[in-house]
């Protein structure tokens, strides 16, 4: 558990690396903010789930801490599910950026 949680801090920086190039310059602040809030929301959700499971199981820490792995698995599933859409949008953005403006004299 400590190894998994310890890896999450540095791994969260990867989200910023993906958010930066995937968004136009005018949306950089919004993208960074959403990426930052996503990490905090995931942390708060995990802590809440652990607390609920501790109360529900009468203090069974093994079951309660399994919420960490469950929520991480949910995150990985969502990344894999949305990956195709992100790749398609990035490809469209690259194609659109390569289109040159053609000046037609009047």
PDB file of N, CA and C in Angstrom:
ATOM      1  N   UNK A   1       0.829  -1.192   0.000  1.00  0.00           N
ATOM      2  CA  UNK A   1       0.000   0.000   0.000  1.00  0.00           C
ATOM      3  C   UNK A   1       0.871   1.253   0.000  1.00  0.00           C
ATOM      4  N   UNK A   2       1.919   1.253   0.807  1.00  0.00           N
ATOM      5  CA  UNK A   2       2.804   2.419   0.863  1.00  0.00           C
ATOM      6  C   UNK A   2       3.494   2.651  -0.470  1.00  0.00           C
ATOM      7  N   UNK A   3       3.873   1.581  -1.140  1.00  0.00           N
ATOM      8  CA  UNK A   3       4.517   1.715  -2.447  1.00  0.00           C
ATOM      9  C   UNK A   3       3.553   2.308  -3.461  1.00  0.00           C
ATOM     10  N   UNK A   4       2.331   1.827  -3.465  1.00  0.00           N
ATOM     11  CA  UNK A   4       1.330   2.334  -4.414  1.00  0.00           C
ATOM     12  C   UNK A   4       1.048   3.802  -4.142  1.00  0.00           C
ATOM     13  N   UNK A   5       0.830   4.153  -2.877  1.00  0.00           N
ATOM     14  CA  UNK A   5       0.551   5.543  -2.542  1.00  0.00           C
ATOM     15  C   UNK A   5       1.760   6.437  -2.807  1.00  0.00           C
ATOM     16  N   UNK A   6       2.958   5.929  -2.564  1.00  0.00           N
ATOM     17  CA  UNK A   6       4.166   6.702  -2.828  1.00  0.00           C
ATOM     18  C   UNK A   6       4.384   6.972  -4.302  1.00  0.00           C
ATOM     19  N   UNK A   7       3.943   6.062  -5.137  1.00  0.00           N
ATOM     20  CA  UNK A   7       4.096   6.252  -6.585  1.00  0.00           C
ATOM     21  C   UNK A   7       3.080   7.239  -7.139  1.00  0.00           C
ATOM     22  N   UNK A   8       2.021   7.486  -6.408  1.00  0.00           N
ATOM     23  CA  UNK A   8       0.949   8.350  -6.923  1.00  0.00           C
ATOM     24  C   UNK A   8       1.360   9.816  -6.998  1.00  0.00           C
ATOM     25  N   UNK A   9       2.189  10.285  -6.085  1.00  0.00           N
ATOM     26  CA  UNK A   9       2.599  11.695  -6.102  1.00  0.00           C
ATOM     27  C   UNK A   9       3.326  12.070  -7.381  1.00  0.00           C
ATOM     28  N   UNK A  10       4.446  11.407  -7.677  1.00  0.00           N
ATOM     29  CA  UNK A  10       5.144  11.718  -8.921  1.00  0.00           C
ATOM     30  C   UNK A  10       4.318  11.378 -10.160  1.00  0.00           C
ATOM     31  N   UNK A  11       3.514  10.346 -10.079  1.00  0.00           N
ATOM     32  CA  UNK A  11       2.706   9.955 -11.239  1.00  0.00           C
ATOM     33  C   UNK A  11       1.653  11.002 -11.559  1.00  0.00           C
ATOM     34  N   UNK A  12       1.232  11.768 -10.564  1.00  0.00           N
ATOM     35  CA  UNK A  12       0.216  12.790 -10.825  1.00  0.00           C
ATOM     36  C   UNK A  12       0.747  13.895 -11.731  1.00  0.00           C
ATOM     37  N   UNK A  13       2.044  14.078 -11.771  1.00  0.00           N
ATOM     38  CA  UNK A  13       2.631  15.094 -12.649  1.00  0.00           C
ATOM     39  C   UNK A  13       2.472  14.732 -14.120  1.00  0.00           C
ATOM     40  N   UNK A  14       2.285  13.457 -14.403  1.00  0.00           N
ATOM     41  CA  UNK A  14       2.089  13.026 -15.791  1.00  0.00           C
ATOM     42  C   UNK A  14       0.822  13.651 -16.361  1.00  0.00           C
ATOM     43  N   UNK A  15      -0.192  13.830 -15.528  1.00  0.00           N
ATOM     44  CA  UNK A  15      -1.430  14.464 -15.974  1.00  0.00           C
ATOM     45  C   UNK A  15      -1.194  15.858 -16.515  1.00  0.00           C
ATOM     46  N   UNK A  16      -0.320  16.625 -15.865  1.00  0.00           N
ATOM     47  CA  UNK A  16      -0.012  17.973 -16.355  1.00  0.00           C
ATOM     48  C   UNK A  16       0.707  17.910 -17.698  1.00  0.00           C
ATOM     49  N   UNK A  17       1.552  16.903 -17.860  1.00  0.00           N
ATOM     50  CA  UNK A  17       2.281  16.764 -19.116  1.00  0.00           C
ATOM     51  C   UNK A  17       1.338  16.433 -20.267  1.00  0.00           C
ATOM     52  N   UNK A  18       0.278  15.695 -19.989  1.00  0.00           N
ATOM     53  CA  UNK A  18      -0.707  15.392 -21.029  1.00  0.00           C
ATOM     54  C   UNK A  18      -1.646  16.572 -21.269  1.00  0.00           C
ATOM     55  N   UNK A  19      -1.985  17.302 -20.224  1.00  0.00           N
ATOM     56  CA  UNK A  19      -2.947  18.404 -20.354  1.00  0.00           C
ATOM     57  C   UNK A  19      -2.368  19.571 -21.142  1.00  0.00           C
ATOM     58  N   UNK A  20      -1.079  19.825 -21.004  1.00  0.00           N
ATOM     59  CA  UNK A  20      -0.470  20.981 -21.657  1.00  0.00           C
ATOM     60  C   UNK A  20      -0.538  20.914 -23.177  1.00  0.00           C
ATOM     61  N   UNK A  21       0.004  19.890 -23.812  1.00  0.00           N
ATOM     62  CA  UNK A  21      -0.020  19.888 -25.285  1.00  0.00           C
ATOM     63  C   UNK A  21      -1.384  19.548 -25.881  1.00  0.00           C
ATOM     64  N   UNK A  22      -2.278  18.982 -25.094  1.00  0.00           N
ATOM     65  CA  UNK A  22      -3.574  18.558 -25.632  1.00  0.00           C
ATOM     66  C   UNK A  22      -4.587  19.688 -25.676  1.00  0.00           C
ATOM     67  N   UNK A  23      -4.218  20.856 -25.180  1.00  0.00           N
ATOM     68  CA  UNK A  23      -5.160  21.973 -25.139  1.00  0.00           C
ATOM     69  C   UNK A  23      -4.544  23.204 -25.786  1.00  0.00           C
ATOM     70  N   UNK A  24      -5.371  24.026 -26.410  1.00  0.00           N
ATOM     71  CA  UNK A  24      -4.856  25.252 -27.020  1.00  0.00           C
ATOM     72  C   UNK A  24      -4.339  26.215 -25.950  1.00  0.00           C
ATOM     73  N   UNK A  25      -3.463  27.125 -26.331  1.00  0.00           N
ATOM     74  CA  UNK A  25      -2.851  28.035 -25.347  1.00  0.00           C
ATOM     75  C   UNK A  25      -3.856  28.821 -24.507  1.00  0.00           C
ATOM     76  N   UNK A  26      -4.986  29.189 -25.101  1.00  0.00           N
ATOM     77  CA  UNK A  26      -5.953  29.983 -24.334  1.00  0.00           C
ATOM     78  C   UNK A  26      -6.663  29.166 -23.258  1.00  0.00           C
ATOM     79  N   UNK A  27      -6.495  27.847 -23.268  1.00  0.00           N
ATOM     80  CA  UNK A  27      -7.131  26.991 -22.257  1.00  0.00           C
ATOM     81  C   UNK A  27      -6.121  26.333 -21.323  1.00  0.00           C
ATOM     82  N   UNK A  28      -4.887  26.787 -21.330  1.00  0.00           N
ATOM     83  CA  UNK A  28      -3.853  26.162 -20.499  1.00  0.00           C
ATOM     84  C   UNK A  28      -4.179  26.257 -19.012  1.00  0.00           C
ATOM     85  N   UNK A  29      -4.648  27.414 -18.564  1.00  0.00           N
ATOM     86  CA  UNK A  29      -4.985  27.584 -17.150  1.00  0.00           C
ATOM     87  C   UNK A  29      -6.122  26.676 -16.720  1.00  0.00           C
ATOM     88  N   UNK A  30      -7.135  26.587 -17.562  1.00  0.00           N
ATOM     89  CA  UNK A  30      -8.274  25.719 -17.253  1.00  0.00           C
ATOM     90  C   UNK A  30      -7.841  24.260 -17.209  1.00  0.00           C
ATOM     91  N   UNK A  31      -7.025  23.856 -18.177  1.00  0.00           N
ATOM     92  CA  UNK A  31      -6.559  22.464 -18.227  1.00  0.00           C
ATOM     93  C   UNK A  31      -5.729  22.118 -16.993  1.00  0.00           C
ATOM     94  N   UNK A  32      -4.836  23.024 -16.592  1.00  0.00           N
ATOM     95  CA  UNK A  32      -4.023  22.773 -15.399  1.00  0.00           C
ATOM     96  C   UNK A  32      -4.892  22.727 -14.146  1.00  0.00           C
ATOM     97  N   UNK A  33      -5.879  23.609 -14.072  1.00  0.00           N
ATOM     98  CA  UNK A  33      -6.771  23.624 -12.913  1.00  0.00           C
ATOM     99  C   UNK A  33      -7.586  22.350 -12.789  1.00  0.00           C
ATOM    100  N   UNK A  34      -8.118  21.881 -13.908  1.00  0.00           N
ATOM    101  CA  UNK A  34      -8.907  20.646 -13.882  1.00  0.00           C
ATOM    102  C   UNK A  34      -8.021  19.456 -13.528  1.00  0.00           C
ATOM    103  N   UNK A  35      -6.807  19.428 -14.073  1.00  0.00           N
ATOM    104  CA  UNK A  35      -5.873  18.349 -13.756  1.00  0.00           C
ATOM    105  C   UNK A  35      -5.537  18.355 -12.267  1.00  0.00           C
ATOM    106  N   UNK A  36      -5.285  19.529 -11.725  1.00  0.00           N
ATOM    107  CA  UNK A  36      -4.951  19.656 -10.309  1.00  0.00           C
ATOM    108  C   UNK A  36      -6.125  19.240  -9.427  1.00  0.00           C
ATOM    109  N   UNK A  37      -7.309  19.702  -9.763  1.00  0.00           N
ATOM    110  CA  UNK A  37      -8.488  19.358  -8.967  1.00  0.00           C
ATOM    111  C   UNK A  37      -8.817  17.870  -9.066  1.00  0.00           C
ATOM    112  N   UNK A  38      -8.544  17.261 -10.202  1.00  0.00           N
ATOM    113  CA  UNK A  38      -8.795  15.827 -10.349  1.00  0.00           C
ATOM    114  C   UNK A  38      -8.028  15.010  -9.327  1.00  0.00           C
ATOM    115  N   UNK A  39      -6.790  15.376  -9.095  1.00  0.00           N
ATOM    116  CA  UNK A  39      -5.981  14.679  -8.095  1.00  0.00           C
ATOM    117  C   UNK A  39      -6.524  14.850  -6.687  1.00  0.00           C
ATOM    118  N   UNK A  40      -6.926  16.069  -6.359  1.00  0.00           N
ATOM    119  CA  UNK A  40      -7.471  16.315  -5.024  1.00  0.00           C
ATOM    120  C   UNK A  40      -8.812  15.616  -4.829  1.00  0.00           C
ATOM    121  N   UNK A  41      -9.648  15.621  -5.858  1.00  0.00           N
ATOM    122  CA  UNK A  41     -10.943  14.944  -5.749  1.00  0.00           C
ATOM    123  C   UNK A  41     -10.740  13.440  -5.579  1.00  0.00           C
ATOM    124  N   UNK A  42      -9.781  12.881  -6.315  1.00  0.00           N
ATOM    125  CA  UNK A  42      -9.497  11.450  -6.174  1.00  0.00           C
ATOM    126  C   UNK A  42      -9.004  11.135  -4.760  1.00  0.00           C
ATOM    127  N   UNK A  43      -8.155  11.989  -4.211  1.00  0.00           N
ATOM    128  CA  UNK A  43      -7.658  11.772  -2.844  1.00  0.00           C
ATOM    129  C   UNK A  43      -8.783  11.845  -1.826  1.00  0.00           C
ATOM    130  N   UNK A  44      -9.625  12.845  -1.959  1.00  0.00           N
ATOM    131  CA  UNK A  44     -10.736  12.993  -1.011  1.00  0.00           C
ATOM    132  C   UNK A  44     -11.729  11.836  -1.138  1.00  0.00           C
ATOM    133  N   UNK A  45     -11.980  11.391  -2.358  1.00  0.00           N
ATOM    134  CA  UNK A  45     -12.888  10.265  -2.566  1.00  0.00           C
ATOM    135  C   UNK A  45     -12.320   8.997  -1.942  1.00  0.00           C
ATOM    136  N   UNK A  46     -11.019   8.805  -2.093  1.00  0.00           N
ATOM    137  CA  UNK A  46     -10.374   7.624  -1.517  1.00  0.00           C
ATOM    138  C   UNK A  46     -10.460   7.645   0.006  1.00  0.00           C
ATOM    139  N   UNK A  47     -10.158   8.794   0.602  1.00  0.00           N
ATOM    140  CA  UNK A  47     -10.245   8.896   2.064  1.00  0.00           C
ATOM    141  C   UNK A  47     -11.669   8.668   2.553  1.00  0.00           C
ATOM    142  N   UNK A  48     -12.637   9.220   1.843  1.00  0.00           N
ATOM    143  CA  UNK A  48     -14.041   9.027   2.217  1.00  0.00           C
ATOM    144  C   UNK A  48     -14.428   7.551   2.112  1.00  0.00           C
ATOM    145  N   UNK A  49     -14.014   6.900   1.021  1.00  0.00           N
ATOM    146  CA  UNK A  49     -14.346   5.483   0.827  1.00  0.00           C
ATOM    147  C   UNK A  49     -13.716   4.616   1.918  1.00  0.00           C
ATOM    148  N   UNK A  50     -12.480   4.924   2.294  1.00  0.00           N
ATOM    149  CA  UNK A  50     -11.826   4.166   3.365  1.00  0.00           C
ATOM    150  C   UNK A  50     -12.597   4.341   4.673  1.00  0.00           C
ATOM    151  N   UNK A  51     -13.000   5.566   4.978  1.00  0.00           N
ATOM    152  CA  UNK A  51     -13.765   5.807   6.203  1.00  0.00           C
ATOM    153  C   UNK A  51     -15.097   5.080   6.219  1.00  0.00           C
ATOM    154  N   UNK A  52     -15.806   5.121   5.095  1.00  0.00           N
ATOM    155  CA  UNK A  52     -17.100   4.436   5.010  1.00  0.00           C
ATOM    156  C   UNK A  52     -16.907   2.932   5.179  1.00  0.00           C
ATOM    157  N   UNK A  53     -15.889   2.383   4.529  1.00  0.00           N
ATOM    158  CA  UNK A  53     -15.648   0.943   4.639  1.00  0.00           C
ATOM    159  C   UNK A  53     -15.203   0.548   6.047  1.00  0.00           C
ATOM    160  N   UNK A  54     -14.426   1.398   6.707  1.00  0.00           N
ATOM    161  CA  UNK A  54     -14.045   1.107   8.094  1.00  0.00           C
ATOM    162  C   UNK A  54     -15.280   1.057   8.990  1.00  0.00           C
ATOM    163  N   UNK A  55     -16.190   1.998   8.797  1.00  0.00           N
ATOM    164  CA  UNK A  55     -17.422   1.993   9.594  1.00  0.00           C
ATOM    165  C   UNK A  55     -18.300   0.793   9.258  1.00  0.00           C
ATOM    166  N   UNK A  56     -18.396   0.464   7.986  1.00  0.00           N
ATOM    167  CA  UNK A  56     -19.295  -0.611   7.552  1.00  0.00           C
ATOM    168  C   UNK A  56     -18.790  -1.993   7.948  1.00  0.00           C
ATOM    169  N   UNK A  57     -17.470  -2.162   8.018  1.00  0.00           N
ATOM    170  CA  UNK A  57     -16.913  -3.487   8.307  1.00  0.00           C
ATOM    171  C   UNK A  57     -16.494  -3.644   9.761  1.00  0.00           C
ATOM    172  N   UNK A  58     -16.740  -2.646  10.573  1.00  0.00           N
ATOM    173  CA  UNK A  58     -16.366  -2.756  11.980  1.00  0.00           C
ATOM    174  C   UNK A  58     -14.874  -2.633  12.213  1.00  0.00           C
ATOM    175  N   UNK A  59     -14.188  -1.902  11.375  1.00  0.00           N
ATOM    176  CA  UNK A  59     -12.762  -1.654  11.561  1.00  0.00           C
ATOM    177  C   UNK A  59     -11.848  -2.611  10.830  1.00  0.00           C
ATOM    178  N   UNK A  60     -12.324  -3.271   9.811  1.00  0.00           N
ATOM    179  CA  UNK A  60     -11.490  -4.185   9.021  1.00  0.00           C
ATOM    180  C   UNK A  60     -10.649  -3.362   8.041  1.00  0.00           C
ATOM    181  N   UNK A  61      -9.393  -3.126   8.421  1.00  0.00           N
ATOM    182  CA  UNK A  61      -8.521  -2.270   7.622  1.00  0.00           C
ATOM    183  C   UNK A  61      -8.164  -2.886   6.275  1.00  0.00           C
ATOM    184  N   UNK A  62      -8.113  -4.197   6.206  1.00  0.00           N
ATOM    185  CA  UNK A  62      -7.795  -4.857   4.935  1.00  0.00           C
ATOM    186  C   UNK A  62      -8.842  -4.527   3.885  1.00  0.00           C
ATOM    187  N   UNK A  63     -10.083  -4.633   4.261  1.00  0.00           N
ATOM    188  CA  UNK A  63     -11.173  -4.311   3.329  1.00  0.00           C
ATOM    189  C   UNK A  63     -11.185  -2.813   3.043  1.00  0.00           C
ATOM    190  N   UNK A  64     -11.002  -2.001   4.078  1.00  0.00           N
ATOM    191  CA  UNK A  64     -11.076  -0.550   3.907  1.00  0.00           C
ATOM    192  C   UNK A  64      -9.996  -0.037   2.963  1.00  0.00           C
ATOM    193  N   UNK A  65      -8.779  -0.515   3.116  1.00  0.00           N
ATOM    194  CA  UNK A  65      -7.700  -0.030   2.261  1.00  0.00           C
ATOM    195  C   UNK A  65      -7.762  -0.606   0.854  1.00  0.00           C
ATOM    196  N   UNK A  66      -8.601  -1.595   0.648  1.00  0.00           N
ATOM    197  CA  UNK A  66      -8.785  -2.087  -0.720  1.00  0.00           C
ATOM    198  C   UNK A  66      -9.457  -1.032  -1.589  1.00  0.00           C
ATOM    199  N   UNK A  67     -10.087  -0.042  -0.967  1.00  0.00           N
ATOM    200  CA  UNK A  67     -10.702   1.060  -1.722  1.00  0.00           C
ATOM    201  C   UNK A  67      -9.659   1.806  -2.546  1.00  0.00           C
ATOM    202  N   UNK A  68      -8.429   1.864  -2.044  1.00  0.00           N
ATOM    203  CA  UNK A  68      -7.362   2.538  -2.789  1.00  0.00           C
ATOM    204  C   UNK A  68      -7.170   1.861  -4.139  1.00  0.00           C
ATOM    205  N   UNK A  69      -7.053   0.552  -4.126  1.00  0.00           N
ATOM    206  CA  UNK A  69      -6.823  -0.180  -5.369  1.00  0.00           C
ATOM    207  C   UNK A  69      -8.046  -0.147  -6.276  1.00  0.00           C
ATOM    208  N   UNK A  70      -9.222  -0.190  -5.674  1.00  0.00           N
ATOM    209  CA  UNK A  70     -10.456  -0.140  -6.452  1.00  0.00           C
ATOM    210  C   UNK A  70     -10.577   1.185  -7.205  1.00  0.00           C
ATOM    211  N   UNK A  71     -10.314   2.290  -6.523  1.00  0.00           N
ATOM    212  CA  UNK A  71     -10.422   3.595  -7.176  1.00  0.00           C
ATOM    213  C   UNK A  71      -9.301   3.818  -8.189  1.00  0.00           C
ATOM    214  N   UNK A  72      -8.117   3.270  -7.922  1.00  0.00           N
ATOM    215  CA  UNK A  72      -7.053   3.365  -8.922  1.00  0.00           C
ATOM    216  C   UNK A  72      -7.406   2.550 -10.156  1.00  0.00           C
ATOM    217  N   UNK A  73      -7.996   1.395  -9.962  1.00  0.00           N
ATOM    218  CA  UNK A  73      -8.430   0.585 -11.106  1.00  0.00           C
ATOM    219  C   UNK A  73      -9.495   1.323 -11.908  1.00  0.00           C
ATOM    220  N   UNK A  74     -10.399   2.005 -11.224  1.00  0.00           N
ATOM    221  CA  UNK A  74     -11.410   2.803 -11.916  1.00  0.00           C
ATOM    222  C   UNK A  74     -10.749   3.891 -12.763  1.00  0.00           C
ATOM    223  N   UNK A  75      -9.733   4.534 -12.224  1.00  0.00           N
ATOM    224  CA  UNK A  75      -9.007   5.553 -12.977  1.00  0.00           C
ATOM    225  C   UNK A  75      -8.316   4.986 -14.205  1.00  0.00           C
ATOM    226  N   UNK A  76      -7.688   3.836 -14.069  1.00  0.00           N
ATOM    227  CA  UNK A  76      -7.015   3.203 -15.212  1.00  0.00           C
ATOM    228  C   UNK A  76      -8.028   2.810 -16.281  1.00  0.00           C
ATOM    229  N   UNK A  77      -9.164   2.284 -15.861  1.00  0.00           N
ATOM    230  CA  UNK A  77     -10.211   1.912 -16.824  1.00  0.00           C
ATOM    231  C   UNK A  77     -10.685   3.142 -17.594  1.00  0.00           C
ATOM    232  N   UNK A  78     -10.865   4.256 -16.899  1.00  0.00           N
ATOM    233  CA  UNK A  78     -11.316   5.472 -17.581  1.00  0.00           C
ATOM    234  C   UNK A  78     -10.254   6.001 -18.544  1.00  0.00           C
ATOM    235  N   UNK A  79      -8.998   5.919 -18.163  1.00  0.00           N
ATOM    236  CA  UNK A  79      -7.923   6.345 -19.062  1.00  0.00           C
ATOM    237  C   UNK A  79      -7.942   5.506 -20.328  1.00  0.00           C
ATOM    238  N   UNK A  80      -8.045   4.204 -20.171  1.00  0.00           N
ATOM    239  CA  UNK A  80      -8.066   3.325 -21.342  1.00  0.00           C
ATOM    240  C   UNK A  80      -9.321   3.539 -22.179  1.00  0.00           C
ATOM    241  N   UNK A  81     -10.442   3.794 -21.527  1.00  0.00           N
ATOM    242  CA  UNK A  81     -11.696   4.003 -22.249  1.00  0.00           C
ATOM    243  C   UNK A  81     -11.672   5.298 -23.063  1.00  0.00           C
ATOM    244  N   UNK A  82     -11.089   6.348 -22.512  1.00  0.00           N
ATOM    245  CA  UNK A  82     -11.095   7.654 -23.173  1.00  0.00           C
ATOM    246  C   UNK A  82      -9.873   7.892 -24.051  1.00  0.00           C
ATOM    247  N   UNK A  83      -8.944   6.964 -24.040  1.00  0.00           N
ATOM    248  CA  UNK A  83      -7.698   7.132 -24.789  1.00  0.00           C
ATOM    249  C   UNK A  83      -7.942   7.284 -26.283  1.00  0.00           C
ATOM    250  N   UNK A  84      -8.815   6.460 -26.834  1.00  0.00           N
ATOM    251  CA  UNK A  84      -9.100   6.523 -28.268  1.00  0.00           C
ATOM    252  C   UNK A  84      -9.661   7.869 -28.681  1.00  0.00           C
ATOM    253  N   UNK A  85     -10.564   8.397 -27.879  1.00  0.00           N
ATOM    254  CA  UNK A  85     -11.148   9.707 -28.182  1.00  0.00           C
ATOM    255  C   UNK A  85     -10.080  10.804 -28.137  1.00  0.00           C
ATOM    256  N   UNK A  86      -9.192  10.730 -27.155  1.00  0.00           N
ATOM    257  CA  UNK A  86      -8.137  11.733 -27.036  1.00  0.00           C
ATOM    258  C   UNK A  86      -7.175  11.658 -28.215  1.00  0.00           C
ATOM    259  N   UNK A  87      -6.833  10.448 -28.634  1.00  0.00           N
ATOM    260  CA  UNK A  87      -5.933  10.284 -29.783  1.00  0.00           C
ATOM    261  C   UNK A  87      -6.584  10.844 -31.042  1.00  0.00           C
ATOM    262  N   UNK A  88      -7.862  10.567 -31.225  1.00  0.00           N
ATOM    263  CA  UNK A  88      -8.578  11.061 -32.402  1.00  0.00           C
ATOM    264  C   UNK A  88      -8.625  12.593 -32.411  1.00  0.00           C
ATOM    265  N   UNK A  89      -8.917  13.205 -31.281  1.00  0.00           N
ATOM    266  CA  UNK A  89      -8.953  14.671 -31.205  1.00  0.00           C
ATOM    267  C   UNK A  89      -7.584  15.282 -31.456  1.00  0.00           C
ATOM    268  N   UNK A  90      -6.553  14.659 -30.924  1.00  0.00           N
ATOM    269  CA  UNK A  90      -5.198  15.173 -31.142  1.00  0.00           C
ATOM    270  C   UNK A  90      -4.820  15.076 -32.607  1.00  0.00           C
ATOM    271  N   UNK A  91      -5.182  13.976 -33.252  1.00  0.00           N
ATOM    272  CA  UNK A  91      -4.901  13.813 -34.676  1.00  0.00           C
ATOM    273  C   UNK A  91      -5.631  14.882 -35.493  1.00  0.00           C
ATOM    274  N   UNK A  92      -6.898  15.136 -35.164  1.00  0.00           N
ATOM    275  CA  UNK A  92      -7.667  16.172 -35.860  1.00  0.00           C
ATOM    276  C   UNK A  92      -7.053  17.546 -35.646  1.00  0.00           C
ATOM    277  N   UNK A  93      -6.584  17.810 -34.437  1.00  0.00           N
ATOM    278  CA  UNK A  93      -5.964  19.105 -34.145  1.00  0.00           C
ATOM    279  C   UNK A  93      -4.685  19.287 -34.938  1.00  0.00           C
ATOM    280  N   UNK A  94      -3.894  18.215 -35.047  1.00  0.00           N
ATOM    281  CA  UNK A  94      -2.657  18.302 -35.818  1.00  0.00           C
ATOM    282  C   UNK A  94      -2.935  18.524 -37.297  1.00  0.00           C
ATOM    283  N   UNK A  95      -3.927  17.838 -37.826  1.00  0.00           N
ATOM    284  CA  UNK A  95      -4.279  18.017 -39.240  1.00  0.00           C
ATOM    285  C   UNK A  95      -4.762  19.438 -39.473  1.00  0.00           C
ATOM    286  N   UNK A  96      -5.588  19.956 -38.574  1.00  0.00           N
ATOM    287  CA  UNK A  96      -6.104  21.319 -38.725  1.00  0.00           C
ATOM    288  C   UNK A  96      -4.989  22.349 -38.622  1.00  0.00           C
ATOM    289  N   UNK A  97      -3.974  22.086 -37.813  1.00  0.00           N
ATOM    290  CA  UNK A  97      -2.879  23.052 -37.678  1.00  0.00           C
ATOM    291  C   UNK A  97      -1.960  23.042 -38.887  1.00  0.00           C
ATOM    292  N   UNK A  98      -1.974  21.966 -39.653  1.00  0.00           N
ATOM    293  CA  UNK A  98      -1.125  21.883 -40.846  1.00  0.00           C
ATOM    294  C   UNK A  98      -1.771  22.507 -42.076  1.00  0.00           C
ATOM    295  N   UNK A  99      -3.061  22.740 -42.009  1.00  0.00           N
ATOM    296  CA  UNK A  99      -3.752  23.331 -43.150  1.00  0.00           C
ATOM    297  C   UNK A  99      -3.278  24.768 -43.305  1.00  0.00           C
ATOM    298  N   UNK A 100      -2.791  25.074 -44.473  1.00  0.00           N
ATOM    299  CA  UNK A 100      -2.288  26.417 -44.731  1.00  0.00           C
ATOM    300  C   UNK A 100      -3.381  27.270 -45.348  1.00  0.00           C
ATOM    301  N   UNK A 101      -3.324  28.540 -45.043  1.00  0.00           N
ATOM    302  CA  UNK A 101      -4.265  29.473 -45.636  1.00  0.00           C
ATOM    303  C   UNK A 101      -3.798  29.785 -47.047  1.00  0.00           C
ATOM    304  N   UNK A 102      -4.696  29.645 -47.974  1.00  0.00           N
ATOM    305  CA  UNK A 102      -4.373  29.920 -49.377  1.00  0.00           C
ATOM    306  C   UNK A 102      -4.976  31.262 -49.742  1.00  0.00           C
ATOM    307  N   UNK A 103      -4.130  32.152 -50.220  1.00  0.00           N
ATOM    308  CA  UNK A 103      -4.606  33.473 -50.629  1.00  0.00           C
ATOM    309  C   UNK A 103      -4.981  33.422 -52.100  1.00  0.00           C
ATOM    310  N   UNK A 104      -6.223  33.722 -52.371  1.00  0.00           N
ATOM    311  CA  UNK A 104      -6.696  33.754 -53.751  1.00  0.00           C
ATOM    312  C   UNK A 104      -6.885  35.217 -54.124  1.00  0.00           C
ATOM    313  N   UNK A 105      -6.080  35.706 -55.084  1.00  0.00           N
ATOM    314  CA  UNK A 105      -6.233  37.121 -55.465  1.00  0.00           C
ATOM    315  C   UNK A 105      -7.603  37.375 -56.097  1.00  0.00           C
ATOM    316  N   UNK A 106      -8.157  38.521 -55.801  1.00  0.00           N
ATOM    317  CA  UNK A 106      -9.486  38.862 -56.327  1.00  0.00           C
ATOM    318  C   UNK A 106      -9.421  39.400 -57.734  1.00  0.00           C
TER     319      UNK A 106
END
